[in-house]
Amino acid sequence: MPTTRAVARRLIAETLGGGAFTVLTTTSAGALGGTTVVSTNIAEYGDDRFNDWWCVLPNGPGGSGSYEARLVTDFVSSSGSLTIRTASAQVGNSVTFELHRYNPLITHLALIEGIKSCFGDNVLFRERLDETLVVDNMLLNSDFETFSAGNFTNWTLTGVGASVAQSTTIRWHGSDAAFVTAGATASAIYNQSVTSSPGDANIFDPRNMLWKFGAWVYATSADTARIQITDGVDTESSEYHTGQMGWEYLEVTLMPGSTITSVACRFQVAANGSARIDAAFCTVSPLARLAIPSTLQRGPTSVLIQADRNKQNAPYVPWNGWHVEGENETRYLVFDAHPPSGHRLRLVGRSALTEPTADTTEMEIDEPQNRLLILKSAAVLMRMMAQEAPSGQRQDYIARSNELQEEYLGLVRSGHMRMYQPVQVQMARW
């Protein structure tokens, strides 16, 4: 079971000696104004025992709402009553709460720093597969995976009454396809102008070169959907989808004229019709490099290529002959031997664990590996506390941080909890 932020917070408190107070329940309702939390389960502790601690209400003061954390200003042991900075509502009976010695906001920040540190140490990470790159593809968001504000990024819709939506159940690749519906009186055009290469941001010269635009199209009526490529003067169109209620690959080519400065790829849907498009690509010449997606923070550790680009679930086979180069903040995949144009790549790499922004956010680790993250985060927390502590306490925090760091390093050196470290096997090109 993945580790959530709530679990990590409690484990950090347990590591630092406060774990006995992280699974508590109120035994009666607090003051109407939301200023007290009452639990006889902590009545055995003396007055003022929890002053300046933090009361966390993971599910809000009513037990079914949103996370809240409030500073404790007083504790009366006889009634088990904690006075807190005012919550958003009265704290009810049988409500789960936690008590933390350290500000949970700082604990959460330390957890995020712990995630970054463990990734930097190459100890904890998540394997990532990326299949967004197509060899020599000039289009952006060609898989229609990025949808924002009612449209797929990098694409423009025209046509009276036309609309576009996500198609998450009928798709060729990934999790989305574009579902375009034309108005009753005019065809719909879904368009992307190609003015630069996503792999090399230099403006290109498209003149006197053969352009190819291909895409997978889904339609349920004949003569409804096709693709086009235009240089603003001449336009070439593919055959129409046959309307056999399935995915069909459509392709069109164009040789732009000598005065052309841009090329556009279009998906056309006839008036009063609808159709889907997915897995599009546009090529003109071999690209020297492709920008590695930012989701792969490290790697790729291996590169694979479609064995057959005309099959929806074709196997991927290893591709040899590549290396990585960096320029400014971007890393590029550079081919020593160029693979077949139009074939999809599968990049295998790594990224840091998910940084939790809510109690329910899951990080991609479980026991016992989460022990590494907890120790690292607790060590970071102690360092943070040392920065704000009075001079007489600073060294105690630093010493505790060093102890936790040594325990973390001991587990790392043992090798029992480190994540699997794949070794790339070089394969012959095909």
Protein backbone atom coordinates (compact mmCIF):
# COMPACT_ATOMS: atom_id res chain seq x y z
CA MET A 1 0.00 0.00 0.00
CA PRO A 2 1.56 3.36 -1.01
CA THR A 3 2.61 5.80 1.71
CA THR A 4 0.43 8.91 2.02
CA ARG A 5 1.38 12.28 3.49
CA ALA A 6 -0.74 11.51 6.57
CA VAL A 7 1.11 8.24 7.15
CA ALA A 8 4.49 9.88 6.59
CA ARG A 9 3.68 12.69 9.05
CA ARG A 10 2.83 10.17 11.75
CA LEU A 11 5.92 8.07 11.06
CA ILE A 12 8.15 11.14 11.28
CA ALA A 13 6.58 12.00 14.64
CA GLU A 14 7.09 8.41 15.79
CA THR A 15 10.75 8.55 14.76
CA LEU A 16 11.23 11.77 16.71
CA GLY A 17 9.52 10.42 19.83
CA GLY A 18 6.00 11.82 19.48
CA GLY A 19 4.25 8.87 17.89
CA ALA A 20 2.13 8.11 20.93
CA PHE A 21 0.01 11.18 20.22
CA THR A 22 -0.74 10.80 16.51
CA VAL A 23 -3.78 8.50 16.69
CA LEU A 24 -6.23 10.17 19.06
CA THR A 25 -10.00 10.63 19.21
CA THR A 26 -12.11 13.24 20.94
CA THR A 27 -14.39 11.93 23.70
CA SER A 28 -16.82 14.85 23.71
CA ALA A 29 -17.50 17.95 21.66
CA GLY A 30 -15.41 21.07 22.25
CA ALA A 31 -16.50 24.66 22.69
CA LEU A 32 -19.00 26.04 20.19
CA GLY A 33 -16.48 28.57 18.93
CA GLY A 34 -14.01 25.89 17.85
CA THR A 35 -11.46 26.82 20.50
CA THR A 36 -11.10 23.51 22.35
CA VAL A 37 -10.48 19.84 21.66
CA VAL A 38 -11.51 17.42 24.39
CA SER A 39 -10.21 13.90 24.96
CA THR A 40 -10.02 12.08 28.28
CA ASN A 41 -7.53 9.73 26.61
CA ILE A 42 -4.79 12.30 27.33
CA ALA A 43 -6.07 13.31 30.78
CA GLU A 44 -3.29 11.35 32.47
CA TYR A 45 -0.73 13.93 31.35
CA GLY A 46 -0.11 16.99 33.52
CA ASP A 47 -1.41 20.48 32.97
CA ASP A 48 0.30 22.43 30.19
CA ARG A 49 1.89 19.21 28.88
CA PHE A 50 0.95 20.04 25.28
CA ASN A 51 1.32 23.80 25.32
CA ASP A 52 2.94 25.02 22.08
CA TRP A 53 2.31 21.68 20.41
CA TRP A 54 0.20 21.44 17.28
CA CYS A 55 -3.23 19.88 17.03
CA VAL A 56 -3.93 18.36 13.62
CA LEU A 57 -7.48 17.59 12.54
CA PRO A 58 -6.89 15.42 9.45
CA ASN A 59 -10.57 15.46 8.48
CA GLY A 60 -11.49 18.85 9.90
CA PRO A 61 -13.30 19.72 13.15
CA GLY A 62 -16.40 17.80 12.11
CA GLY A 63 -14.56 14.62 11.15
CA SER A 64 -15.55 14.64 7.48
CA GLY A 65 -14.04 17.85 6.16
CA SER A 66 -10.65 19.25 5.17
CA TYR A 67 -7.30 19.12 6.96
CA GLU A 68 -6.67 21.77 9.63
CA ALA A 69 -3.77 22.36 12.03
CA ARG A 70 -3.92 24.68 15.06
CA LEU A 71 -1.42 25.68 17.74
CA VAL A 72 -2.22 24.50 21.29
CA THR A 73 -2.13 27.34 23.79
CA ASP A 74 -3.25 25.52 26.95
CA PHE A 75 -3.98 22.05 28.33
CA VAL A 76 -6.08 21.16 31.38
CA SER A 77 -5.48 17.56 32.40
CA SER A 78 -8.52 17.14 34.63
CA SER A 79 -10.87 17.53 31.68
CA GLY A 80 -8.49 16.51 28.91
CA SER A 81 -9.22 19.86 27.25
CA LEU A 82 -6.82 21.43 24.76
CA THR A 83 -7.26 25.12 24.03
CA ILE A 84 -6.32 25.78 20.41
CA ARG A 85 -6.18 28.68 18.03
CA THR A 86 -9.71 28.85 16.68
CA ALA A 87 -10.70 26.10 14.24
CA SER A 88 -13.16 26.69 11.42
CA ALA A 89 -15.99 25.13 13.44
CA GLN A 90 -16.77 23.35 16.70
CA VAL A 91 -14.67 20.22 17.13
CA GLY A 92 -17.15 17.38 17.48
CA ASN A 93 -17.24 14.14 19.41
CA SER A 94 -15.40 11.04 18.09
CA VAL A 95 -13.27 13.18 15.78
CA THR A 96 -9.77 11.97 14.90
CA PHE A 97 -6.93 14.31 15.84
CA GLU A 98 -3.17 14.26 16.24
CA LEU A 99 -0.75 16.11 18.49
CA HIS A 100 2.64 17.08 17.10
CA ARG A 101 5.63 18.59 18.83
CA TYR A 102 6.71 20.29 15.60
CA ASN A 103 4.69 22.47 13.26
CA PRO A 104 3.15 20.05 10.72
CA LEU A 105 3.66 22.64 7.97
CA ILE A 106 7.40 22.39 8.57
CA THR A 107 7.12 18.60 8.73
CA HIS A 108 5.46 18.56 5.31
CA LEU A 109 8.17 20.81 3.87
CA ALA A 110 10.82 18.50 5.33
CA LEU A 111 9.05 15.55 3.71
CA ILE A 112 9.25 17.21 0.30
CA GLU A 113 12.93 17.99 0.84
CA GLY A 114 13.41 14.38 1.89
CA ILE A 115 11.89 13.20 -1.39
CA LYS A 116 14.26 15.43 -3.35
CA SER A 117 17.27 14.31 -1.33
CA CYS A 118 16.48 10.60 -1.70
CA PHE A 119 16.12 11.09 -5.44
CA GLY A 120 19.39 13.01 -5.54
CA ASP A 121 21.04 10.12 -3.69
CA ASN A 122 19.60 7.74 -6.33
CA VAL A 123 17.98 5.78 -3.52
CA LEU A 124 14.24 6.36 -3.96
CA PHE A 125 12.60 7.14 -7.28
CA ARG A 126 9.85 6.01 -9.58
CA GLU A 127 10.41 4.42 -12.93
CA ARG A 128 8.79 6.39 -15.73
CA LEU A 129 7.78 5.32 -19.22
CA ASP A 130 7.29 8.02 -21.81
CA GLU A 131 5.80 7.30 -25.22
CA THR A 132 5.17 10.86 -26.42
CA LEU A 133 8.11 11.10 -28.84
CA VAL A 134 7.78 10.05 -32.47
CA VAL A 135 10.92 9.99 -34.59
CA ASP A 136 11.22 13.25 -36.62
CA ASN A 137 7.79 14.49 -35.52
CA MET A 138 7.35 18.26 -35.87
CA LEU A 139 3.97 18.50 -34.12
CA LEU A 140 3.41 19.46 -30.50
CA ASN A 141 0.86 17.61 -28.36
CA SER A 142 0.39 15.25 -31.28
CA ASP A 143 -1.09 12.57 -28.99
CA PHE A 144 -3.74 14.97 -27.70
CA GLU A 145 -2.82 14.29 -24.08
CA THR A 146 -2.75 17.90 -22.83
CA PHE A 147 -6.22 19.46 -22.57
CA SER A 148 -6.81 22.84 -20.95
CA ALA A 149 -9.58 25.44 -20.96
CA GLY A 150 -11.74 23.41 -23.33
CA ASN A 151 -9.10 22.75 -25.97
CA PHE A 152 -6.07 20.59 -26.68
CA THR A 153 -2.90 22.62 -26.27
CA ASN A 154 -1.20 23.75 -29.53
CA TRP A 155 -4.29 23.05 -31.67
CA THR A 156 -6.81 25.59 -33.04
CA LEU A 157 -10.45 24.89 -33.94
CA THR A 158 -12.35 26.82 -36.61
CA GLY A 159 -15.81 26.40 -38.16
CA VAL A 160 -19.23 27.80 -37.24
CA GLY A 161 -20.76 25.71 -34.45
CA ALA A 162 -17.71 23.43 -34.17
CA SER A 163 -16.60 21.92 -30.85
CA VAL A 164 -13.83 19.69 -29.51
CA ALA A 165 -13.83 17.37 -26.51
CA GLN A 166 -11.71 14.69 -24.91
CA SER A 167 -12.29 11.10 -25.93
CA THR A 168 -10.99 8.95 -23.09
CA THR A 169 -12.72 5.67 -23.96
CA ILE A 170 -12.21 5.60 -27.74
CA ARG A 171 -8.56 6.40 -28.44
CA TRP A 172 -5.60 5.03 -30.37
CA HIS A 173 -2.72 5.77 -27.99
CA GLY A 174 -2.32 7.16 -24.48
CA SER A 175 -5.31 8.29 -22.43
CA ASP A 176 -6.97 10.78 -24.83
CA ALA A 177 -8.03 11.42 -28.40
CA ALA A 178 -9.54 14.60 -29.84
CA PHE A 179 -13.28 14.32 -30.57
CA VAL A 180 -14.24 17.03 -33.08
CA THR A 181 -17.85 17.83 -33.93
CA ALA A 182 -18.75 20.13 -36.84
CA GLY A 183 -21.65 22.56 -36.91
CA ALA A 184 -24.75 22.00 -39.00
CA THR A 185 -23.71 24.30 -41.85
CA ALA A 186 -19.91 24.35 -41.97
CA SER A 187 -17.05 21.89 -41.75
CA ALA A 188 -14.76 21.92 -38.72
CA ILE A 189 -11.01 22.39 -39.11
CA TYR A 190 -8.66 21.37 -36.30
CA ASN A 191 -5.32 22.89 -37.13
CA GLN A 192 -1.70 23.22 -36.00
CA SER A 193 0.79 25.51 -37.72
CA VAL A 194 4.31 24.12 -37.73
CA THR A 195 6.90 26.88 -37.43
CA SER A 196 9.64 25.22 -35.41
CA SER A 197 10.88 21.82 -34.38
CA PRO A 198 10.11 20.59 -30.85
CA GLY A 199 13.54 18.98 -30.79
CA ASP A 200 15.51 21.99 -31.99
CA ALA A 201 13.85 25.38 -31.50
CA ASN A 202 15.53 27.01 -34.51
CA ILE A 203 13.04 28.26 -37.12
CA PHE A 204 13.25 26.00 -40.14
CA ASP A 205 12.94 26.69 -43.86
CA PRO A 206 10.11 24.49 -45.17
CA ARG A 207 10.57 25.23 -48.88
CA ASN A 208 11.09 22.56 -51.53
CA MET A 209 11.01 19.67 -49.08
CA LEU A 210 8.53 16.81 -48.99
CA TRP A 211 6.26 17.02 -45.94
CA LYS A 212 4.28 14.06 -44.63
CA PHE A 213 1.31 14.29 -42.26
CA GLY A 214 -0.15 11.10 -40.83
CA ALA A 215 -2.77 10.40 -38.17
CA TRP A 216 -5.17 7.76 -36.90
CA VAL A 217 -8.80 8.74 -37.45
CA TYR A 218 -12.03 7.23 -36.11
CA ALA A 219 -15.37 7.89 -37.80
CA THR A 220 -18.73 6.14 -38.04
CA SER A 221 -19.86 7.62 -41.37
CA ALA A 222 -18.15 7.66 -44.74
CA ASP A 223 -16.90 10.92 -46.28
CA THR A 224 -16.93 12.64 -42.87
CA ALA A 225 -13.29 12.95 -41.79
CA ARG A 226 -9.93 13.39 -43.49
CA ILE A 227 -6.58 15.10 -42.91
CA GLN A 228 -4.94 17.89 -44.90
CA ILE A 229 -1.60 19.65 -45.17
CA THR A 230 -1.28 23.19 -46.51
CA ASP A 231 1.37 25.83 -47.10
CA GLY A 232 -1.22 28.61 -47.38
CA VAL A 233 -1.27 28.39 -51.16
CA ASP A 234 -1.63 24.73 -51.97
CA THR A 235 -3.55 22.19 -49.91
CA GLU A 236 -3.33 18.42 -50.19
CA SER A 237 -5.99 16.14 -48.70
CA SER A 238 -5.99 12.48 -47.77
CA GLU A 239 -8.73 10.04 -48.65
CA TYR A 240 -11.80 10.19 -46.42
CA HIS A 241 -12.22 7.72 -43.60
CA THR A 242 -14.37 4.85 -44.90
CA GLY A 243 -16.81 5.14 -42.01
CA GLN A 244 -16.41 1.50 -40.97
CA MET A 245 -16.59 2.48 -37.27
CA GLY A 246 -12.95 1.90 -36.45
CA TRP A 247 -9.51 3.47 -36.50
CA GLU A 248 -7.94 4.02 -39.91
CA TYR A 249 -4.53 5.43 -40.69
CA LEU A 250 -4.64 8.42 -43.06
CA GLU A 251 -1.63 10.08 -44.67
CA VAL A 252 -0.97 13.00 -46.99
CA THR A 253 2.17 14.65 -48.46
CA LEU A 254 2.99 18.13 -49.78
CA MET A 255 5.94 19.87 -51.45
CA PRO A 256 5.69 23.56 -50.39
CA GLY A 257 6.56 26.31 -52.84
CA SER A 258 9.64 28.55 -52.83
CA THR A 259 7.96 31.49 -51.07
CA ILE A 260 6.42 29.58 -48.18
CA THR A 261 7.29 30.34 -44.55
CA SER A 262 5.05 27.89 -42.70
CA VAL A 263 3.12 24.65 -43.04
CA ALA A 264 -0.12 23.66 -41.30
CA CYS A 265 -1.57 20.24 -40.55
CA ARG A 266 -5.36 19.96 -40.44
CA PHE A 267 -8.07 17.55 -39.37
CA GLN A 268 -11.27 18.23 -41.32
CA VAL A 269 -14.72 17.05 -40.26
CA ALA A 270 -17.65 17.59 -42.65
CA ALA A 271 -20.66 19.70 -41.65
CA ASN A 272 -23.01 17.99 -39.20
CA GLY A 273 -20.45 15.21 -38.63
CA SER A 274 -18.11 14.11 -35.87
CA ALA A 275 -14.87 12.13 -35.75
CA ARG A 276 -11.80 11.48 -33.63
CA ILE A 277 -8.10 11.98 -34.29
CA ASP A 278 -5.14 10.60 -32.35
CA ALA A 279 -1.44 9.73 -32.68
CA ALA A 280 -0.72 12.34 -35.35
CA PHE A 281 2.74 13.16 -36.66
CA CYS A 282 4.31 15.44 -39.26
CA THR A 283 7.78 14.86 -40.72
CA VAL A 284 9.93 16.63 -43.27
CA SER A 285 13.52 15.58 -42.65
CA PRO A 286 15.52 13.75 -39.97
CA LEU A 287 15.66 15.75 -36.75
CA ALA A 288 19.09 15.92 -35.19
CA ARG A 289 17.66 15.64 -31.69
CA LEU A 290 14.44 15.37 -29.70
CA ALA A 291 13.74 17.16 -26.44
CA ILE A 292 13.48 14.67 -23.58
CA PRO A 293 10.14 15.14 -21.77
CA SER A 294 10.45 16.86 -18.41
CA THR A 295 8.70 13.93 -16.71
CA LEU A 296 11.98 12.04 -17.05
CA GLN A 297 14.11 13.90 -14.54
CA ARG A 298 16.87 11.35 -14.91
CA GLY A 299 17.68 9.15 -17.87
CA PRO A 300 16.54 7.72 -20.12
CA THR A 301 18.15 4.49 -19.01
CA SER A 302 16.95 2.79 -22.17
CA VAL A 303 15.27 3.66 -25.47
CA LEU A 304 12.89 1.34 -27.30
CA ILE A 305 11.07 1.73 -30.60
CA GLN A 306 7.84 0.39 -32.09
CA ALA A 307 8.41 -2.78 -34.05
CA ASP A 308 5.40 -1.88 -36.22
CA ARG A 309 3.93 1.62 -36.12
CA ASN A 310 0.71 0.47 -37.81
CA LYS A 311 -0.36 -1.72 -34.90
CA GLN A 312 -2.12 -0.22 -31.92
CA ASN A 313 -0.34 -2.37 -29.34
CA ALA A 314 2.80 -3.27 -31.25
CA PRO A 315 5.74 -4.49 -29.14
CA TYR A 316 8.68 -2.18 -28.50
CA VAL A 317 12.22 -3.37 -29.15
CA PRO A 318 15.48 -1.86 -27.83
CA TRP A 319 17.16 0.77 -30.02
CA ASN A 320 20.92 1.16 -29.87
CA GLY A 321 22.94 4.19 -30.90
CA TRP A 322 21.88 7.24 -28.89
CA HIS A 323 23.18 9.60 -26.24
CA VAL A 324 21.95 12.56 -24.20
CA GLU A 325 23.08 16.16 -24.58
CA GLY A 326 22.10 19.22 -22.56
CA GLU A 327 21.54 22.82 -23.56
CA ASN A 328 20.49 25.39 -20.97
CA GLU A 329 17.64 23.73 -19.04
CA THR A 330 16.70 21.22 -21.75
CA ARG A 331 18.09 17.73 -22.29
CA TYR A 332 18.04 16.21 -25.75
CA LEU A 333 18.03 12.68 -27.09
CA VAL A 334 20.57 12.52 -29.91
CA PHE A 335 20.75 9.58 -32.31
CA ASP A 336 24.11 8.18 -33.38
CA ALA A 337 22.21 6.02 -35.88
CA HIS A 338 18.87 7.43 -37.00
CA PRO A 339 15.78 5.26 -36.40
CA PRO A 340 12.89 4.94 -38.90
CA SER A 341 10.90 8.15 -39.28
CA GLY A 342 7.37 8.15 -37.85
CA HIS A 343 7.97 5.34 -35.35
CA ARG A 344 7.05 5.95 -31.72
CA LEU A 345 9.72 5.76 -29.03
CA ARG A 346 9.43 4.43 -25.50
CA LEU A 347 11.85 6.14 -23.12
CA VAL A 348 12.51 4.50 -19.76
CA GLY A 349 13.76 6.85 -17.07
CA ARG A 350 13.24 8.06 -13.53
CA SER A 351 11.69 10.88 -11.60
CA ALA A 352 11.37 11.76 -7.94
CA LEU A 353 8.52 10.38 -5.88
CA THR A 354 5.32 12.42 -6.02
CA GLU A 355 5.50 15.45 -3.74
CA PRO A 356 2.41 15.31 -1.49
CA THR A 357 0.15 18.35 -1.43
CA ALA A 358 -2.65 16.75 0.63
CA ASP A 359 -2.97 14.06 3.26
CA THR A 360 -4.32 11.58 0.73
CA THR A 361 -1.53 12.13 -1.82
CA GLU A 362 0.29 8.85 -2.34
CA MET A 363 4.05 8.43 -2.76
CA GLU A 364 5.18 5.44 -4.76
CA ILE A 365 6.77 3.51 -1.89
CA ASP A 366 5.64 1.24 0.91
CA GLU A 367 7.25 -0.54 3.83
CA PRO A 368 10.09 -1.10 4.34
CA GLN A 369 11.44 1.40 1.80
CA ASN A 370 9.48 4.27 3.28
CA ARG A 371 11.82 4.00 6.28
CA LEU A 372 14.54 5.63 4.16
CA LEU A 373 12.30 8.58 3.34
CA ILE A 374 11.14 8.97 6.95
CA LEU A 375 14.69 9.02 8.31
CA LYS A 376 15.87 11.50 5.68
CA SER A 377 12.84 13.76 6.24
CA ALA A 378 13.24 13.65 10.02
CA ALA A 379 16.91 14.61 9.64
CA VAL A 380 15.89 17.54 7.42
CA LEU A 381 13.25 18.59 9.96
CA MET A 382 15.83 18.70 12.74
CA ARG A 383 18.09 20.86 10.56
CA MET A 384 15.18 23.22 9.94
CA MET A 385 14.44 23.44 13.66
CA ALA A 386 18.11 24.20 14.36
CA GLN A 387 17.96 27.30 12.17
CA GLU A 388 15.30 28.92 14.34
CA ALA A 389 16.29 27.49 17.73
CA PRO A 390 17.96 29.50 20.52
CA SER A 391 21.72 29.08 20.53
CA GLY A 392 21.58 26.80 23.55
CA GLN A 393 19.35 24.29 21.72
CA ARG A 394 20.81 24.52 18.24
CA GLN A 395 23.50 21.92 18.76
CA ASP A 396 21.00 19.43 20.15
CA TYR A 397 18.93 19.65 16.98
CA ILE A 398 22.04 19.33 14.80
CA ALA A 399 23.24 16.31 16.76
CA ARG A 400 19.85 14.63 16.39
CA SER A 401 19.86 15.39 12.67
CA ASN A 402 23.29 13.81 12.32
CA GLU A 403 22.13 10.67 14.16
CA LEU A 404 19.16 10.28 11.83
CA GLN A 405 21.36 10.87 8.79
CA GLU A 406 23.77 8.16 9.92
CA GLU A 407 20.92 5.71 10.40
CA TYR A 408 19.67 6.57 6.90
CA LEU A 409 23.12 6.07 5.39
CA GLY A 410 23.49 2.76 7.20
CA LEU A 411 20.32 1.46 5.56
CA VAL A 412 21.43 2.79 2.19
CA ARG A 413 24.82 1.08 2.47
CA SER A 414 23.19 -2.20 3.44
CA GLY A 415 21.55 -2.29 0.03
CA HIS A 416 18.43 -4.05 1.33
CA MET A 417 16.08 -1.11 0.82
CA ARG A 418 17.49 0.59 -2.25
CA MET A 419 15.28 0.48 -5.29
CA TYR A 420 16.14 -1.84 -8.14
CA GLN A 421 18.93 -0.34 -10.24
CA PRO A 422 18.38 -1.45 -13.87
CA VAL A 423 21.38 -1.99 -16.10
CA GLN A 424 20.94 -1.08 -19.75
CA VAL A 425 21.68 -3.83 -22.20
CA GLN A 426 22.96 -2.58 -25.54
CA MET A 427 21.14 -4.23 -28.42
CA ALA A 428 21.90 -4.44 -32.09
CA ARG A 429 20.05 -2.02 -34.37
CA TRP A 430 17.44 -3.41 -36.71
